[in-house]
Amino acid sequence: MIVISTDKERLDIHMIHEFLTKSYWAKGRSIEQVKSSIEHCLCFGVYSENKQIGFARIATDYTVFAYLMDVFILPEYRGNGYAKELMLAIHNEPKLKPCRTWMLKTSDAHKLYNQFGYTELKHPEKVMERLLK
């Protein structure tokens, strides 16, 4: 059994940083950057027996747009449906119900996100990005 919480006081910042800095999408992210990203987002911690085993954060205006980021379950806890439970908790969060546009980027978890209605962009010609080095 797991518990999913939006209480930032419960988050294990060092575990989150350690995982993210080794991930393909956040390699080298500093602890200061992790702390700042948590401070400015709605965060979800996943806990088993009071130990944090997963995380996700949402950048949002709580009205129109929600951007899902930094989603993970620690490797030793995968295969138990915890990522699905986390996604359900995120999509059932009352604060996010008004948001009609959700986005995310992934290189390897399409199967998970497809289950929750995420698809490839319908109109990629309308989406732009600005990447800085």
Foldseek 3Di string as FASTA:
>chain_A
DKDKDQPPVLDPLVVLCVVQCPDPVRNPPDSVNSVVQSVQWRKMFIDDPSDTFWIWTWHDPLAEEIEIDSTDGHPVPPPPCVSVVVVVCVCPPPSNVNYDYYYYDDDPPCVSVVVVPDDPDPCVVVDDDDDDD
